[in-house]
């Protein structure tokens, strides 16, 4: 009977140790999960900032592309006006001939 009681006592003691270890592990996991949640929140904030920055870059690029198009168009208009002026001047001066001295 005493042996049986010692055996039960050892089993209960072992269960208490197992339960204590399990509780310790659960607490560690809770702490790690809390830290992970904080890190995920921080990462989400960083991603939001990056998204805002990316949107700003896209907007600036669109403005730059529009400016380049405008410059090209004005250059073509200016070149067209110069080309027309040169052709007109050639027509007006085509009847003149150069004379060598």
PDB file of N, CA and C in Angstrom:
ATOM      1  N   UNK A   1       0.822  -1.180   0.000  1.00  0.00           N
ATOM      2  CA  UNK A   1       0.000   0.000   0.000  1.00  0.00           C
ATOM      3  C   UNK A   1       0.876   1.258   0.000  1.00  0.00           C
ATOM      4  N   UNK A   2       1.934   1.213   0.799  1.00  0.00           N
ATOM      5  CA  UNK A   2       2.845   2.344   0.887  1.00  0.00           C
ATOM      6  C   UNK A   2       3.562   2.563  -0.454  1.00  0.00           C
ATOM      7  N   UNK A   3       3.909   1.483  -1.100  1.00  0.00           N
ATOM      8  CA  UNK A   3       4.546   1.591  -2.422  1.00  0.00           C
ATOM      9  C   UNK A   3       3.599   2.237  -3.436  1.00  0.00           C
ATOM     10  N   UNK A   4       2.386   1.833  -3.305  1.00  0.00           N
ATOM     11  CA  UNK A   4       1.359   2.382  -4.204  1.00  0.00           C
ATOM     12  C   UNK A   4       1.187   3.870  -3.940  1.00  0.00           C
ATOM     13  N   UNK A   5       1.197   4.280  -2.692  1.00  0.00           N
ATOM     14  CA  UNK A   5       1.070   5.683  -2.317  1.00  0.00           C
ATOM     15  C   UNK A   5       2.279   6.482  -2.807  1.00  0.00           C
ATOM     16  N   UNK A   6       3.464   5.921  -2.684  1.00  0.00           N
ATOM     17  CA  UNK A   6       4.678   6.579  -3.199  1.00  0.00           C
ATOM     18  C   UNK A   6       4.602   6.745  -4.717  1.00  0.00           C
ATOM     19  N   UNK A   7       4.097   5.748  -5.364  1.00  0.00           N
ATOM     20  CA  UNK A   7       3.967   5.800  -6.829  1.00  0.00           C
ATOM     21  C   UNK A   7       2.984   6.901  -7.239  1.00  0.00           C
ATOM     22  N   UNK A   8       1.869   6.992  -6.557  1.00  0.00           N
ATOM     23  CA  UNK A   8       0.877   8.045  -6.832  1.00  0.00           C
ATOM     24  C   UNK A   8       1.495   9.415  -6.541  1.00  0.00           C
ATOM     25  N   UNK A   9       2.221   9.518  -5.442  1.00  0.00           N
ATOM     26  CA  UNK A   9       2.878  10.775  -5.079  1.00  0.00           C
ATOM     27  C   UNK A   9       3.868  11.203  -6.157  1.00  0.00           C
ATOM     28  N   UNK A  10       4.655  10.255  -6.671  1.00  0.00           N
ATOM     29  CA  UNK A  10       5.620  10.558  -7.736  1.00  0.00           C
ATOM     30  C   UNK A  10       4.904  11.002  -9.005  1.00  0.00           C
ATOM     31  N   UNK A  11       3.800  10.343  -9.339  1.00  0.00           N
ATOM     32  CA  UNK A  11       3.040  10.700 -10.530  1.00  0.00           C
ATOM     33  C   UNK A  11       2.454  12.106 -10.402  1.00  0.00           C
ATOM     34  N   UNK A  12       1.910  12.429  -9.242  1.00  0.00           N
ATOM     35  CA  UNK A  12       1.345  13.758  -9.009  1.00  0.00           C
ATOM     36  C   UNK A  12       2.456  14.814  -9.095  1.00  0.00           C
ATOM     37  N   UNK A  13       3.611  14.503  -8.485  1.00  0.00           N
ATOM     38  CA  UNK A  13       4.748  15.428  -8.542  1.00  0.00           C
ATOM     39  C   UNK A  13       5.184  15.651  -9.981  1.00  0.00           C
ATOM     40  N   UNK A  14       5.256  14.586 -10.758  1.00  0.00           N
ATOM     41  CA  UNK A  14       5.641  14.686 -12.166  1.00  0.00           C
ATOM     42  C   UNK A  14       4.614  15.499 -12.952  1.00  0.00           C
ATOM     43  N   UNK A  15       3.342  15.280 -12.684  1.00  0.00           N
ATOM     44  CA  UNK A  15       2.282  16.062 -13.350  1.00  0.00           C
ATOM     45  C   UNK A  15       2.390  17.542 -13.006  1.00  0.00           C
ATOM     46  N   UNK A  16       2.725  17.837 -11.748  1.00  0.00           N
ATOM     47  CA  UNK A  16       2.888  19.244 -11.344  1.00  0.00           C
ATOM     48  C   UNK A  16       4.048  19.876 -12.114  1.00  0.00           C
ATOM     49  N   UNK A  17       5.158  19.135 -12.257  1.00  0.00           N
ATOM     50  CA  UNK A  17       6.299  19.647 -13.032  1.00  0.00           C
ATOM     51  C   UNK A  17       5.921  19.859 -14.502  1.00  0.00           C
ATOM     52  N   UNK A  18       5.225  18.884 -15.068  1.00  0.00           N
ATOM     53  CA  UNK A  18       4.797  18.992 -16.469  1.00  0.00           C
ATOM     54  C   UNK A  18       3.882  20.198 -16.639  1.00  0.00           C
ATOM     55  N   UNK A  19       2.933  20.366 -15.726  1.00  0.00           N
ATOM     56  CA  UNK A  19       2.007  21.496 -15.787  1.00  0.00           C
ATOM     57  C   UNK A  19       2.755  22.813 -15.656  1.00  0.00           C
ATOM     58  N   UNK A  20       3.719  22.878 -14.743  1.00  0.00           N
ATOM     59  CA  UNK A  20       4.510  24.091 -14.561  1.00  0.00           C
ATOM     60  C   UNK A  20       5.307  24.424 -15.800  1.00  0.00           C
ATOM     61  N   UNK A  21       5.927  23.411 -16.413  1.00  0.00           N
ATOM     62  CA  UNK A  21       6.685  23.620 -17.655  1.00  0.00           C
ATOM     63  C   UNK A  21       5.772  24.075 -18.786  1.00  0.00           C
ATOM     64  N   UNK A  22       4.613  23.443 -18.859  1.00  0.00           N
ATOM     65  CA  UNK A  22       3.646  23.816 -19.895  1.00  0.00           C
ATOM     66  C   UNK A  22       3.206  25.265 -19.712  1.00  0.00           C
ATOM     67  N   UNK A  23       2.893  25.650 -18.489  1.00  0.00           N
ATOM     68  CA  UNK A  23       2.486  27.032 -18.222  1.00  0.00           C
ATOM     69  C   UNK A  23       3.604  28.013 -18.569  1.00  0.00           C
ATOM     70  N   UNK A  24       4.830  27.630 -18.262  1.00  0.00           N
ATOM     71  CA  UNK A  24       5.978  28.478 -18.580  1.00  0.00           C
ATOM     72  C   UNK A  24       6.107  28.660 -20.094  1.00  0.00           C
ATOM     73  N   UNK A  25       5.965  27.562 -20.823  1.00  0.00           N
ATOM     74  CA  UNK A  25       6.047  27.626 -22.288  1.00  0.00           C
ATOM     75  C   UNK A  25       4.910  28.465 -22.854  1.00  0.00           C
ATOM     76  N   UNK A  26       3.710  28.305 -22.319  1.00  0.00           N
ATOM     77  CA  UNK A  26       2.551  29.081 -22.782  1.00  0.00           C
ATOM     78  C   UNK A  26       2.798  30.574 -22.558  1.00  0.00           C
ATOM     79  N   UNK A  27       3.362  30.937 -21.425  1.00  0.00           N
ATOM     80  CA  UNK A  27       3.652  32.347 -21.139  1.00  0.00           C
ATOM     81  C   UNK A  27       4.700  32.894 -22.101  1.00  0.00           C
ATOM     82  N   UNK A  28       5.719  32.097 -22.395  1.00  0.00           N
ATOM     83  CA  UNK A  28       6.728  32.523 -23.369  1.00  0.00           C
ATOM     84  C   UNK A  28       6.089  32.750 -24.733  1.00  0.00           C
ATOM     85  N   UNK A  29       5.229  31.825 -25.123  1.00  0.00           N
ATOM     86  CA  UNK A  29       4.538  31.960 -26.412  1.00  0.00           C
ATOM     87  C   UNK A  29       3.660  33.206 -26.436  1.00  0.00           C
ATOM     88  N   UNK A  30       2.964  33.477 -25.342  1.00  0.00           N
ATOM     89  CA  UNK A  30       2.129  34.683 -25.277  1.00  0.00           C
ATOM     90  C   UNK A  30       2.977  35.931 -25.440  1.00  0.00           C
ATOM     91  N   UNK A  31       4.124  35.943 -24.768  1.00  0.00           N
ATOM     92  CA  UNK A  31       5.029  37.094 -24.873  1.00  0.00           C
ATOM     93  C   UNK A  31       5.515  37.257 -26.314  1.00  0.00           C
ATOM     94  N   UNK A  32       5.904  36.150 -26.930  1.00  0.00           N
ATOM     95  CA  UNK A  32       6.379  36.202 -28.308  1.00  0.00           C
ATOM     96  C   UNK A  32       5.278  36.633 -29.268  1.00  0.00           C
ATOM     97  N   UNK A  33       4.071  36.154 -29.049  1.00  0.00           N
ATOM     98  CA  UNK A  33       2.942  36.554 -29.901  1.00  0.00           C
ATOM     99  C   UNK A  33       2.681  38.047 -29.750  1.00  0.00           C
ATOM    100  N   UNK A  34       2.755  38.553 -28.543  1.00  0.00           N
ATOM    101  CA  UNK A  34       2.559  39.988 -28.309  1.00  0.00           C
ATOM    102  C   UNK A  34       3.633  40.792 -29.030  1.00  0.00           C
ATOM    103  N   UNK A  35       4.887  40.323 -28.952  1.00  0.00           N
ATOM    104  CA  UNK A  35       5.975  41.002 -29.654  1.00  0.00           C
ATOM    105  C   UNK A  35       5.774  40.949 -31.164  1.00  0.00           C
ATOM    106  N   UNK A  36       5.350  39.781 -31.656  1.00  0.00           N
ATOM    107  CA  UNK A  36       5.096  39.640 -33.093  1.00  0.00           C
ATOM    108  C   UNK A  36       3.982  40.579 -33.555  1.00  0.00           C
ATOM    109  N   UNK A  37       2.947  40.692 -32.763  1.00  0.00           N
ATOM    110  CA  UNK A  37       1.850  41.601 -33.120  1.00  0.00           C
ATOM    111  C   UNK A  37       2.341  43.035 -33.199  1.00  0.00           C
ATOM    112  N   UNK A  38       3.188  43.413 -32.245  1.00  0.00           N
ATOM    113  CA  UNK A  38       3.737  44.772 -32.253  1.00  0.00           C
ATOM    114  C   UNK A  38       4.599  44.984 -33.496  1.00  0.00           C
ATOM    115  N   UNK A  39       5.406  43.986 -33.847  1.00  0.00           N
ATOM    116  CA  UNK A  39       6.249  44.087 -35.031  1.00  0.00           C
ATOM    117  C   UNK A  39       5.415  44.150 -36.299  1.00  0.00           C
ATOM    118  N   UNK A  40       4.353  43.360 -36.365  1.00  0.00           N
ATOM    119  CA  UNK A  40       3.462  43.382 -37.534  1.00  0.00           C
ATOM    120  C   UNK A  40       2.814  44.756 -37.664  1.00  0.00           C
ATOM    121  N   UNK A  41       2.383  45.322 -36.561  1.00  0.00           N
ATOM    122  CA  UNK A  41       1.789  46.663 -36.586  1.00  0.00           C
ATOM    123  C   UNK A  41       2.805  47.678 -37.102  1.00  0.00           C
ATOM    124  N   UNK A  42       4.036  47.563 -36.634  1.00  0.00           N
ATOM    125  CA  UNK A  42       5.103  48.465 -37.088  1.00  0.00           C
ATOM    126  C   UNK A  42       5.371  48.279 -38.585  1.00  0.00           C
ATOM    127  N   UNK A  43       5.405  47.030 -39.026  1.00  0.00           N
ATOM    128  CA  UNK A  43       5.621  46.758 -40.451  1.00  0.00           C
ATOM    129  C   UNK A  43       4.487  47.316 -41.304  1.00  0.00           C
ATOM    130  N   UNK A  44       3.263  47.189 -40.821  1.00  0.00           N
ATOM    131  CA  UNK A  44       2.126  47.742 -41.563  1.00  0.00           C
ATOM    132  C   UNK A  44       2.250  49.251 -41.693  1.00  0.00           C
ATOM    133  N   UNK A  45       2.686  49.910 -40.629  1.00  0.00           N
ATOM    134  CA  UNK A  45       2.875  51.361 -40.673  1.00  0.00           C
ATOM    135  C   UNK A  45       3.965  51.718 -41.679  1.00  0.00           C
ATOM    136  N   UNK A  46       5.043  50.949 -41.694  1.00  0.00           N
ATOM    137  CA  UNK A  46       6.126  51.200 -42.649  1.00  0.00           C
ATOM    138  C   UNK A  46       5.652  50.978 -44.080  1.00  0.00           C
ATOM    139  N   UNK A  47       4.876  49.923 -44.300  1.00  0.00           N
ATOM    140  CA  UNK A  47       4.348  49.654 -45.643  1.00  0.00           C
ATOM    141  C   UNK A  47       3.440  50.798 -46.078  1.00  0.00           C
ATOM    142  N   UNK A  48       2.617  51.305 -45.161  1.00  0.00           N
ATOM    143  CA  UNK A  48       1.755  52.445 -45.491  1.00  0.00           C
ATOM    144  C   UNK A  48       2.581  53.656 -45.881  1.00  0.00           C
ATOM    145  N   UNK A  49       3.672  53.915 -45.155  1.00  0.00           N
ATOM    146  CA  UNK A  49       4.551  55.044 -45.482  1.00  0.00           C
ATOM    147  C   UNK A  49       5.188  54.836 -46.856  1.00  0.00           C
ATOM    148  N   UNK A  50       5.624  53.606 -47.126  1.00  0.00           N
ATOM    149  CA  UNK A  50       6.220  53.312 -48.429  1.00  0.00           C
ATOM    150  C   UNK A  50       5.201  53.483 -49.552  1.00  0.00           C
ATOM    151  N   UNK A  51       3.975  53.081 -49.292  1.00  0.00           N
ATOM    152  CA  UNK A  51       2.925  53.236 -50.296  1.00  0.00           C
ATOM    153  C   UNK A  51       2.675  54.713 -50.575  1.00  0.00           C
ATOM    154  N   UNK A  52       2.643  55.516 -49.533  1.00  0.00           N
ATOM    155  CA  UNK A  52       2.459  56.959 -49.705  1.00  0.00           C
ATOM    156  C   UNK A  52       3.631  57.535 -50.504  1.00  0.00           C
ATOM    157  N   UNK A  53       4.847  57.125 -50.158  1.00  0.00           N
ATOM    158  CA  UNK A  53       6.025  57.593 -50.894  1.00  0.00           C
ATOM    159  C   UNK A  53       5.981  57.172 -52.350  1.00  0.00           C
ATOM    160  N   UNK A  54       5.562  55.956 -52.602  1.00  0.00           N
ATOM    161  CA  UNK A  54       5.462  55.455 -53.969  1.00  0.00           C
ATOM    162  C   UNK A  54       4.411  56.254 -54.753  1.00  0.00           C
ATOM    163  N   UNK A  55       3.296  56.547 -54.120  1.00  0.00           N
ATOM    164  CA  UNK A  55       2.259  57.347 -54.775  1.00  0.00           C
ATOM    165  C   UNK A  55       2.780  58.745 -55.105  1.00  0.00           C
ATOM    166  N   UNK A  56       3.566  59.324 -54.194  1.00  0.00           N
ATOM    167  CA  UNK A  56       4.153  60.638 -54.448  1.00  0.00           C
ATOM    168  C   UNK A  56       5.114  60.582 -55.629  1.00  0.00           C
ATOM    169  N   UNK A  57       5.920  59.529 -55.691  1.00  0.00           N
ATOM    170  CA  UNK A  57       6.863  59.372 -56.803  1.00  0.00           C
ATOM    171  C   UNK A  57       6.115  59.222 -58.116  1.00  0.00           C
ATOM    172  N   UNK A  58       5.049  58.422 -58.107  1.00  0.00           N
ATOM    173  CA  UNK A  58       4.247  58.252 -59.323  1.00  0.00           C
ATOM    174  C   UNK A  58       3.658  59.579 -59.783  1.00  0.00           C
ATOM    175  N   UNK A  59       3.147  60.361 -58.848  1.00  0.00           N
ATOM    176  CA  UNK A  59       2.555  61.657 -59.195  1.00  0.00           C
ATOM    177  C   UNK A  59       3.614  62.590 -59.777  1.00  0.00           C
ATOM    178  N   UNK A  60       4.794  62.613 -59.167  1.00  0.00           N
ATOM    179  CA  UNK A  60       5.878  63.457 -59.682  1.00  0.00           C
ATOM    180  C   UNK A  60       6.306  63.011 -61.063  1.00  0.00           C
ATOM    181  N   UNK A  61       6.378  61.694 -61.276  1.00  0.00           N
ATOM    182  CA  UNK A  61       6.758  61.162 -62.578  1.00  0.00           C
ATOM    183  C   UNK A  61       5.733  61.540 -63.630  1.00  0.00           C
ATOM    184  N   UNK A  62       4.459  61.462 -63.291  1.00  0.00           N
ATOM    185  CA  UNK A  62       3.408  61.846 -64.235  1.00  0.00           C
ATOM    186  C   UNK A  62       3.531  63.324 -64.606  1.00  0.00           C
ATOM    187  N   UNK A  63       3.815  64.169 -63.577  1.00  0.00           N
ATOM    188  CA  UNK A  63       4.005  65.597 -63.871  1.00  0.00           C
ATOM    189  C   UNK A  63       5.213  65.820 -64.767  1.00  0.00           C
ATOM    190  N   UNK A  64       6.288  65.092 -64.508  1.00  0.00           N
ATOM    191  CA  UNK A  64       7.493  65.233 -65.328  1.00  0.00           C
ATOM    192  C   UNK A  64       7.231  64.786 -66.770  1.00  0.00           C
ATOM    193  N   UNK A  65       6.520  63.680 -66.918  1.00  0.00           N
ATOM    194  CA  UNK A  65       6.190  63.196 -68.254  1.00  0.00           C
ATOM    195  C   UNK A  65       5.326  64.211 -68.992  1.00  0.00           C
ATOM    196  N   UNK A  66       4.382  64.812 -68.296  1.00  0.00           N
ATOM    197  CA  UNK A  66       3.535  65.840 -68.908  1.00  0.00           C
ATOM    198  C   UNK A  66       4.387  67.042 -69.318  1.00  0.00           C
ATOM    199  N   UNK A  67       5.324  67.441 -68.466  1.00  0.00           N
ATOM    200  CA  UNK A  67       6.216  68.557 -68.799  1.00  0.00           C
ATOM    201  C   UNK A  67       7.063  68.237 -70.026  1.00  0.00           C
ATOM    202  N   UNK A  68       7.572  67.007 -70.102  1.00  0.00           N
ATOM    203  CA  UNK A  68       8.385  66.605 -71.259  1.00  0.00           C
ATOM    204  C   UNK A  68       7.540  66.638 -72.526  1.00  0.00           C
ATOM    205  N   UNK A  69       6.312  66.129 -72.449  1.00  0.00           N
ATOM    206  CA  UNK A  69       5.421  66.179 -73.619  1.00  0.00           C
ATOM    207  C   UNK A  69       5.185  67.615 -74.061  1.00  0.00           C
ATOM    208  N   UNK A  70       4.954  68.487 -73.089  1.00  0.00           N
ATOM    209  CA  UNK A  70       4.707  69.890 -73.394  1.00  0.00           C
ATOM    210  C   UNK A  70       5.938  70.527 -74.044  1.00  0.00           C
ATOM    211  N   UNK A  71       7.113  70.210 -73.528  1.00  0.00           N
ATOM    212  CA  UNK A  71       8.350  70.753 -74.104  1.00  0.00           C
ATOM    213  C   UNK A  71       8.532  70.245 -75.529  1.00  0.00           C
ATOM    214  N   UNK A  72       8.284  68.949 -75.744  1.00  0.00           N
ATOM    215  CA  UNK A  72       8.411  68.389 -77.092  1.00  0.00           C
ATOM    216  C   UNK A  72       7.441  69.065 -78.055  1.00  0.00           C
ATOM    217  N   UNK A  73       6.192  69.238 -77.606  1.00  0.00           N
ATOM    218  CA  UNK A  73       5.193  69.868 -78.465  1.00  0.00           C
ATOM    219  C   UNK A  73       5.597  71.296 -78.807  1.00  0.00           C
ATOM    220  N   UNK A  74       6.039  72.043 -77.815  1.00  0.00           N
ATOM    221  CA  UNK A  74       6.430  73.430 -78.089  1.00  0.00           C
ATOM    222  C   UNK A  74       7.664  73.470 -78.971  1.00  0.00           C
ATOM    223  N   UNK A  75       8.569  72.499 -78.818  1.00  0.00           N
ATOM    224  CA  UNK A  75       9.764  72.444 -79.667  1.00  0.00           C
ATOM    225  C   UNK A  75       9.357  72.170 -81.107  1.00  0.00           C
ATOM    226  N   UNK A  76       8.438  71.211 -81.304  1.00  0.00           N
ATOM    227  CA  UNK A  76       7.985  70.905 -82.661  1.00  0.00           C
ATOM    228  C   UNK A  76       7.274  72.105 -83.275  1.00  0.00           C
ATOM    229  N   UNK A  77       6.479  72.813 -82.493  1.00  0.00           N
ATOM    230  CA  UNK A  77       5.806  74.009 -82.997  1.00  0.00           C
ATOM    231  C   UNK A  77       6.832  75.061 -83.398  1.00  0.00           C
ATOM    232  N   UNK A  78       7.818  75.253 -82.546  1.00  0.00           N
ATOM    233  CA  UNK A  78       8.857  76.241 -82.812  1.00  0.00           C
ATOM    234  C   UNK A  78       9.659  75.846 -84.040  1.00  0.00           C
ATOM    235  N   UNK A  79      10.042  74.569 -84.154  1.00  0.00           N
ATOM    236  CA  UNK A  79      10.787  74.105 -85.322  1.00  0.00           C
ATOM    237  C   UNK A  79       9.945  74.243 -86.583  1.00  0.00           C
ATOM    238  N   UNK A  80       8.661  73.953 -86.473  1.00  0.00           N
ATOM    239  CA  UNK A  80       7.767  74.100 -87.621  1.00  0.00           C
ATOM    240  C   UNK A  80       7.696  75.553 -88.081  1.00  0.00           C
ATOM    241  N   UNK A  81       7.616  76.485 -87.139  1.00  0.00           N
ATOM    242  CA  UNK A  81       7.577  77.905 -87.486  1.00  0.00           C
ATOM    243  C   UNK A  81       8.893  78.342 -88.129  1.00  0.00           C
ATOM    244  N   UNK A  82       9.994  77.864 -87.609  1.00  0.00           N
ATOM    245  CA  UNK A  82      11.304  78.208 -88.181  1.00  0.00           C
ATOM    246  C   UNK A  82      11.448  77.615 -89.580  1.00  0.00           C
ATOM    247  N   UNK A  83      11.014  76.367 -89.742  1.00  0.00           N
ATOM    248  CA  UNK A  83      11.097  75.717 -91.040  1.00  0.00           C
ATOM    249  C   UNK A  83      10.273  76.480 -92.066  1.00  0.00           C
ATOM    250  N   UNK A  84       9.082  76.899 -91.679  1.00  0.00           N
ATOM    251  CA  UNK A  84       8.219  77.672 -92.566  1.00  0.00           C
ATOM    252  C   UNK A  84       8.870  79.008 -92.911  1.00  0.00           C
ATOM    253  N   UNK A  85       9.449  79.655 -91.921  1.00  0.00           N
ATOM    254  CA  UNK A  85      10.107  80.938 -92.163  1.00  0.00           C
ATOM    255  C   UNK A  85      11.299  80.771 -93.101  1.00  0.00           C
ATOM    256  N   UNK A  86      12.057  79.699 -92.937  1.00  0.00           N
ATOM    257  CA  UNK A  86      13.215  79.455 -93.810  1.00  0.00           C
ATOM    258  C   UNK A  86      12.756  79.194 -95.235  1.00  0.00           C
ATOM    259  N   UNK A  87      11.714  78.388 -95.412  1.00  0.00           N
ATOM    260  CA  UNK A  87      11.202  78.113 -96.761  1.00  0.00           C
ATOM    261  C   UNK A  87      10.692  79.398 -97.422  1.00  0.00           C
ATOM    262  N   UNK A  88       9.992  80.203 -96.643  1.00  0.00           N
ATOM    263  CA  UNK A  88       9.485  81.463 -97.183  1.00  0.00           C
ATOM    264  C   UNK A  88      10.638  82.370 -97.600  1.00  0.00           C
ATOM    265  N   UNK A  89      11.663  82.457 -96.764  1.00  0.00           N
ATOM    266  CA  UNK A  89      12.831  83.294 -97.074  1.00  0.00           C
ATOM    267  C   UNK A  89      13.546  82.770 -98.309  1.00  0.00           C
ATOM    268  N   UNK A  90      13.661  81.473 -98.465  1.00  0.00           N
ATOM    269  CA  UNK A  90      14.304  80.898 -99.661  1.00  0.00           C
ATOM    270  C   UNK A  90      13.523  81.238-100.921  1.00  0.00           C
ATOM    271  N   UNK A  91      12.188  81.172-100.820  1.00  0.00           N
ATOM    272  CA  UNK A  91      11.375  81.507-101.991  1.00  0.00           C
ATOM    273  C   UNK A  91      11.569  82.970-102.384  1.00  0.00           C
ATOM    274  N   UNK A  92      11.632  83.822-101.361  1.00  0.00           N
ATOM    275  CA  UNK A  92      11.773  85.254-101.639  1.00  0.00           C
ATOM    276  C   UNK A  92      13.148  85.593-102.201  1.00  0.00           C
ATOM    277  N   UNK A  93      14.162  84.826-101.775  1.00  0.00           N
ATOM    278  CA  UNK A  93      15.526  85.149-102.198  1.00  0.00           C
ATOM    279  C   UNK A  93      16.013  84.240-103.307  1.00  0.00           C
ATOM    280  N   UNK A  94      15.162  83.386-103.845  1.00  0.00           N
ATOM    281  CA  UNK A  94      15.606  82.447-104.871  1.00  0.00           C
ATOM    282  C   UNK A  94      15.958  83.154-106.183  1.00  0.00           C
ATOM    283  N   UNK A  95      15.455  84.288-106.430  1.00  0.00           N
ATOM    284  CA  UNK A  95      15.745  84.985-107.681  1.00  0.00           C
ATOM    285  C   UNK A  95      17.067  85.753-107.618  1.00  0.00           C
ATOM    286  N   UNK A  96      17.627  85.883-106.430  1.00  0.00           N
ATOM    287  CA  UNK A  96      18.928  86.516-106.301  1.00  0.00           C
ATOM    288  C   UNK A  96      20.014  85.496-106.647  1.00  0.00           C
ATOM    289  N   UNK A  97      21.030  85.966-107.302  1.00  0.00           N
ATOM    290  CA  UNK A  97      22.155  85.088-107.597  1.00  0.00           C
ATOM    291  C   UNK A  97      23.403  85.717-107.007  1.00  0.00           C
ATOM    292  N   UNK A  98      24.311  84.863-106.625  1.00  0.00           N
ATOM    293  CA  UNK A  98      25.554  85.342-106.080  1.00  0.00           C
ATOM    294  C   UNK A  98      26.530  85.612-107.212  1.00  0.00           C
ATOM    295  N   UNK A  99      27.215  86.689-107.078  1.00  0.00           N
ATOM    296  CA  UNK A  99      28.191  87.066-108.109  1.00  0.00           C
ATOM    297  C   UNK A  99      29.560  87.010-107.461  1.00  0.00           C
ATOM    298  N   UNK A 100      30.495  86.321-108.124  1.00  0.00           N
ATOM    299  CA  UNK A 100      31.856  86.259-107.621  1.00  0.00           C
ATOM    300  C   UNK A 100      32.614  87.484-108.103  1.00  0.00           C
ATOM    301  N   UNK A 101      33.476  88.028-107.251  1.00  0.00           N
ATOM    302  CA  UNK A 101      34.288  89.204-107.631  1.00  0.00           C
ATOM    303  C   UNK A 101      35.468  88.804-108.431  1.00  0.00           C
TER     304      UNK A 101
END
